[in-house]
Amino acid sequence: AEDCNKEDTAGRCVAPGEFGLIVNKEGGMTIKRVAYVAVCCGALLSAALIISANAQMRDQAISPVDVTLKNLMEAYNGESNANARYLAFAKKADEEGYGKAASLFRAAARAEQVHFERDAKIIKSLGGTPKATIDQPVVKSTKENVEAAYKGETYEKNVMYPEFLAQAEKANVKEAVDVFEDAQAAEGVHAMLYKEVLDNMDAWKGAKKDFYVCPLCGNVVDKLPAAVCPICATETKKFMMVS
């Protein structure tokens, strides 16, 4: 055709942008034309490789120990807030005549203090600085407060601490493994106690009630075990009484 000035090696006319080995009729030069689509695919592949490399670098930069330190900081903040929240709940329970429930809230608050103090020591040993942002407690009726406490303790026992524990085991940070194991078990006890309150709110009215808190794991009981804590084996003579 008269309008065709480029042919492939077989003599066929090739439109601009097509694949193929091209012969320029005017200069006789052979040119390898690169399709626009191929250029785009190459660019996308390069971008994907860069993103993958960056992700690998991020993963390598965040070591298992760093993850466990982050989890300890999260636990420290959470337990610190739980301590403040339970003390506020105890005050409300006293106002509404639930003296025994108020005592339980105070005992649980002391247990959460045991947890965050232990977290703080491990955080420092790993080179971190314990920090907590204490939110204003949302205080409602005593029943609603017990429900909120029950949900929080159940979440920590079933979701948060199992995840933290698995990551601490991967990082091989024994102190963190121990504290997460103990906290998970203790939070389970707290949840059961709150469930008892919810099952019979009237039984938790009246005078205060004595509870005993383990100084190592935060276990809470209303009667001292025979010799040692069933969670961490701490001698019961070291338990702290809270009422």
Protein backbone atom coordinates (compact mmCIF):
# COMPACT_ATOMS: atom_id res chain seq x y z
CA ALA A 1 0.00 0.00 0.00
CA GLU A 2 1.20 3.54 -0.78
CA ASP A 3 0.67 4.79 2.81
CA CYS A 4 2.71 2.01 4.39
CA ASN A 5 6.33 2.93 5.01
CA LYS A 6 7.10 0.14 7.55
CA GLU A 7 6.89 -3.58 6.91
CA ASP A 8 7.78 -6.61 9.00
CA THR A 9 10.38 -9.11 7.83
CA ALA A 10 7.70 -10.97 5.88
CA GLY A 11 6.78 -7.83 3.95
CA ARG A 12 3.50 -7.20 5.78
CA CYS A 13 2.51 -3.66 6.64
CA VAL A 14 2.67 -3.05 10.44
CA ALA A 15 0.67 -0.27 12.09
CA PRO A 16 2.32 1.94 14.71
CA GLY A 17 2.27 0.34 18.22
CA GLU A 18 2.11 -3.27 17.00
CA PHE A 19 4.56 -6.00 18.02
CA GLY A 20 7.09 -7.22 15.53
CA LEU A 21 10.45 -6.76 13.92
CA ILE A 22 10.08 -3.71 11.69
CA VAL A 23 11.94 -2.65 8.55
CA ASN A 24 12.02 1.11 7.95
CA LYS A 25 11.69 1.42 4.22
CA GLU A 26 13.36 4.82 4.07
CA GLY A 27 16.51 4.07 6.06
CA GLY A 28 16.61 0.31 5.92
CA MET A 29 17.08 0.07 9.68
CA THR A 30 15.60 -2.82 11.71
CA ILE A 31 13.80 -1.61 14.85
CA LYS A 32 12.33 -3.69 17.75
CA ARG A 33 9.07 -1.98 18.66
CA VAL A 34 7.98 -2.35 22.26
CA ALA A 35 4.26 -2.47 22.85
CA TYR A 36 2.73 0.02 25.26
CA VAL A 37 1.07 -2.82 27.20
CA ALA A 38 4.43 -4.47 27.81
CA VAL A 39 5.82 -1.25 29.23
CA CYS A 40 2.88 -0.97 31.64
CA CYS A 41 3.23 -4.58 32.77
CA GLY A 42 6.91 -4.05 33.40
CA ALA A 43 6.19 -0.97 35.51
CA LEU A 44 3.57 -2.82 37.55
CA LEU A 45 5.92 -5.74 38.13
CA SER A 46 8.65 -3.39 39.33
CA ALA A 47 6.25 -1.68 41.74
CA ALA A 48 5.09 -5.03 43.10
CA LEU A 49 8.69 -6.10 43.70
CA ILE A 50 9.44 -2.86 45.53
CA ILE A 51 6.34 -3.23 47.76
CA SER A 52 7.25 -6.84 48.54
CA ALA A 53 10.82 -5.86 49.43
CA ASN A 54 9.59 -3.05 51.70
CA ALA A 55 7.20 -5.44 53.47
CA GLN A 56 10.01 -7.91 54.06
CA MET A 57 12.19 -5.15 55.47
CA ARG A 58 9.37 -4.10 57.83
CA ASP A 59 8.87 -7.66 59.01
CA GLN A 60 12.58 -8.02 59.66
CA ALA A 61 12.70 -4.70 61.51
CA ILE A 62 9.89 -5.71 63.95
CA SER A 63 11.39 -8.60 65.88
CA PRO A 64 9.32 -11.01 68.03
CA VAL A 65 10.77 -9.34 71.12
CA ASP A 66 9.58 -5.93 69.87
CA VAL A 67 6.09 -7.38 69.37
CA THR A 68 6.07 -8.75 72.92
CA LEU A 69 7.25 -5.41 74.29
CA LYS A 70 4.38 -3.71 72.44
CA ASN A 71 1.95 -6.25 73.92
CA LEU A 72 3.28 -5.64 77.41
CA MET A 73 2.74 -1.91 76.93
CA GLU A 74 -0.83 -2.58 75.77
CA ALA A 75 -1.45 -4.84 78.76
CA TYR A 76 0.02 -2.24 81.12
CA ASN A 77 -2.29 0.42 79.74
CA GLY A 78 -5.32 -1.87 79.83
CA GLU A 79 -4.76 -3.10 83.37
CA SER A 80 -4.12 0.44 84.59
CA ASN A 81 -7.45 1.54 83.15
CA ALA A 82 -9.21 -1.50 84.59
CA ASN A 83 -7.87 -0.58 88.02
CA ALA A 84 -9.27 2.95 87.76
CA ARG A 85 -12.55 1.71 86.31
CA TYR A 86 -13.15 -0.87 89.05
CA LEU A 87 -12.48 1.63 91.80
CA ALA A 88 -15.10 3.91 90.24
CA PHE A 89 -17.50 0.96 89.97
CA ALA A 90 -16.92 0.14 93.65
CA LYS A 91 -17.91 3.64 94.67
CA LYS A 92 -21.13 3.37 92.65
CA ALA A 93 -21.91 -0.05 94.14
CA ASP A 94 -21.54 1.34 97.65
CA GLU A 95 -23.92 4.18 96.76
CA GLU A 96 -26.53 1.70 95.52
CA GLY A 97 -26.22 -0.61 98.53
CA TYR A 98 -24.28 -3.42 96.86
CA GLY A 99 -21.60 -3.64 99.55
CA LYS A 100 -20.36 -7.11 98.59
CA ALA A 101 -20.14 -6.16 94.92
CA ALA A 102 -18.21 -3.05 95.92
CA SER A 103 -15.74 -5.25 97.80
CA LEU A 104 -15.32 -7.47 94.75
CA PHE A 105 -14.63 -4.45 92.54
CA ARG A 106 -11.97 -3.26 94.99
CA ALA A 107 -10.37 -6.69 95.11
CA ALA A 108 -10.36 -6.88 91.31
CA ALA A 109 -8.85 -3.39 91.15
CA ARG A 110 -6.04 -4.56 93.44
CA ALA A 111 -5.53 -7.58 91.22
CA GLU A 112 -5.23 -5.39 88.13
CA GLN A 113 -2.65 -3.34 90.01
CA VAL A 114 -0.69 -6.55 90.58
CA HIS A 115 -0.81 -7.15 86.83
CA PHE A 116 0.29 -3.71 85.68
CA GLU A 117 3.08 -3.50 88.26
CA ARG A 118 4.43 -6.82 87.05
CA ASP A 119 4.09 -5.70 83.42
CA ALA A 120 6.05 -2.55 84.24
CA LYS A 121 9.03 -4.50 85.57
CA ILE A 122 9.29 -6.60 82.42
CA ILE A 123 8.83 -3.57 80.16
CA LYS A 124 11.78 -1.89 81.90
CA SER A 125 13.90 -5.05 81.63
CA LEU A 126 13.33 -5.00 77.85
CA GLY A 127 14.40 -1.36 77.61
CA GLY A 128 10.94 0.21 77.46
CA THR A 129 9.17 2.81 79.56
CA PRO A 130 5.74 1.93 81.01
CA LYS A 131 3.11 4.47 79.94
CA ALA A 132 -0.64 4.52 80.51
CA THR A 133 -3.34 6.88 79.35
CA ILE A 134 -6.12 6.69 81.92
CA ASP A 135 -9.53 7.31 80.39
CA GLN A 136 -12.42 8.72 82.37
CA PRO A 137 -14.38 5.65 83.59
CA VAL A 138 -17.90 5.33 82.21
CA VAL A 139 -19.97 4.57 85.31
CA LYS A 140 -23.57 3.39 84.98
CA SER A 141 -25.77 1.31 87.29
CA THR A 142 -24.07 -1.42 89.30
CA LYS A 143 -25.64 -4.15 87.19
CA GLU A 144 -24.43 -2.48 83.99
CA ASN A 145 -20.99 -1.99 85.53
CA VAL A 146 -20.76 -5.67 86.44
CA GLU A 147 -21.83 -6.60 82.90
CA ALA A 148 -19.12 -4.37 81.46
CA ALA A 149 -16.52 -5.86 83.81
CA TYR A 150 -17.60 -9.40 82.90
CA LYS A 151 -17.27 -8.69 79.18
CA GLY A 152 -13.85 -7.11 79.64
CA GLU A 153 -12.46 -9.98 81.70
CA THR A 154 -13.88 -12.56 79.29
CA TYR A 155 -12.25 -10.81 76.32
CA GLU A 156 -8.87 -10.73 78.05
CA LYS A 157 -9.09 -14.39 79.01
CA ASN A 158 -10.30 -15.71 75.66
CA VAL A 159 -8.76 -13.35 73.12
CA MET A 160 -6.14 -10.87 74.27
CA TYR A 161 -3.93 -12.88 76.58
CA PRO A 162 -3.87 -16.05 74.44
CA GLU A 163 -2.57 -13.95 71.53
CA PHE A 164 -0.01 -12.19 73.71
CA LEU A 165 1.08 -15.51 75.19
CA ALA A 166 1.64 -17.13 71.80
CA GLN A 167 3.75 -14.17 70.65
CA ALA A 168 5.79 -14.15 73.87
CA GLU A 169 6.52 -17.86 73.42
CA LYS A 170 7.67 -17.14 69.86
CA ALA A 171 9.94 -14.38 71.18
CA ASN A 172 11.19 -16.69 73.95
CA VAL A 173 10.72 -14.01 76.61
CA LYS A 174 10.09 -16.23 79.63
CA GLU A 175 9.06 -13.43 82.01
CA ALA A 176 6.41 -12.28 79.54
CA VAL A 177 5.19 -15.85 79.05
CA ASP A 178 4.78 -16.23 82.80
CA VAL A 179 2.95 -12.94 83.32
CA PHE A 180 0.58 -13.54 80.41
CA GLU A 181 -0.20 -17.07 81.57
CA ASP A 182 -0.92 -15.90 85.11
CA ALA A 183 -2.99 -12.92 83.97
CA GLN A 184 -5.07 -15.06 81.63
CA ALA A 185 -5.92 -17.50 84.42
CA ALA A 186 -6.65 -14.72 86.93
CA GLU A 187 -8.91 -12.86 84.51
CA GLY A 188 -10.86 -16.08 84.10
CA VAL A 189 -11.45 -16.17 87.85
CA HIS A 190 -12.53 -12.52 87.84
CA ALA A 191 -15.00 -13.25 85.05
CA MET A 192 -16.53 -16.13 87.02
CA LEU A 193 -16.95 -13.93 90.08
CA TYR A 194 -18.68 -11.24 88.05
CA LYS A 195 -20.93 -13.90 86.56
CA GLU A 196 -21.92 -14.94 90.09
CA VAL A 197 -22.93 -11.37 90.81
CA LEU A 198 -25.02 -11.14 87.65
CA ASP A 199 -26.76 -14.42 88.45
CA ASN A 200 -28.01 -13.10 91.79
CA MET A 201 -27.63 -9.36 92.23
CA ASP A 202 -29.66 -9.27 95.45
CA ALA A 203 -27.21 -11.60 97.18
CA TRP A 204 -24.48 -8.99 96.73
CA LYS A 205 -26.30 -6.27 98.63
CA GLY A 206 -25.57 -5.39 102.25
CA ALA A 207 -22.31 -5.24 104.16
CA LYS A 208 -18.82 -5.50 102.77
CA LYS A 209 -17.20 -8.86 102.09
CA ASP A 210 -13.59 -9.96 102.54
CA PHE A 211 -11.65 -11.09 99.48
CA TYR A 212 -8.03 -12.23 99.17
CA VAL A 213 -5.72 -11.24 96.32
CA CYS A 214 -2.61 -13.12 95.24
CA PRO A 215 0.33 -10.70 95.10
CA LEU A 216 1.92 -12.47 92.12
CA CYS A 217 -0.82 -13.47 89.68
CA GLY A 218 -3.82 -11.39 90.80
CA ASN A 219 -6.02 -14.37 91.64
CA VAL A 220 -9.06 -13.34 93.74
CA VAL A 221 -10.78 -15.66 96.22
CA ASP A 222 -13.23 -15.24 99.08
CA LYS A 223 -11.71 -18.15 101.02
CA LEU A 224 -8.00 -18.78 101.27
CA PRO A 225 -6.77 -21.97 99.57
CA ALA A 226 -5.16 -24.52 101.87
CA ALA A 227 -1.51 -23.77 101.18
CA VAL A 228 -0.69 -22.17 97.84
CA CYS A 229 -2.35 -20.25 95.03
CA PRO A 230 -3.84 -22.69 92.50
CA ILE A 231 -2.63 -20.49 89.65
CA CYS A 232 0.95 -19.55 90.50
CA ALA A 233 1.72 -21.56 93.67
CA THR A 234 2.35 -18.47 95.80
CA GLU A 235 1.94 -19.18 99.51
CA THR A 236 -1.53 -18.12 100.64
CA LYS A 237 -0.10 -16.45 103.73
CA LYS A 238 1.14 -13.77 101.34
CA PHE A 239 -2.35 -13.03 99.97
CA MET A 240 -3.68 -9.50 100.54
CA MET A 241 -7.08 -9.04 102.13
CA VAL A 242 -9.40 -6.51 100.48
CA SER A 243 -12.93 -5.67 101.59
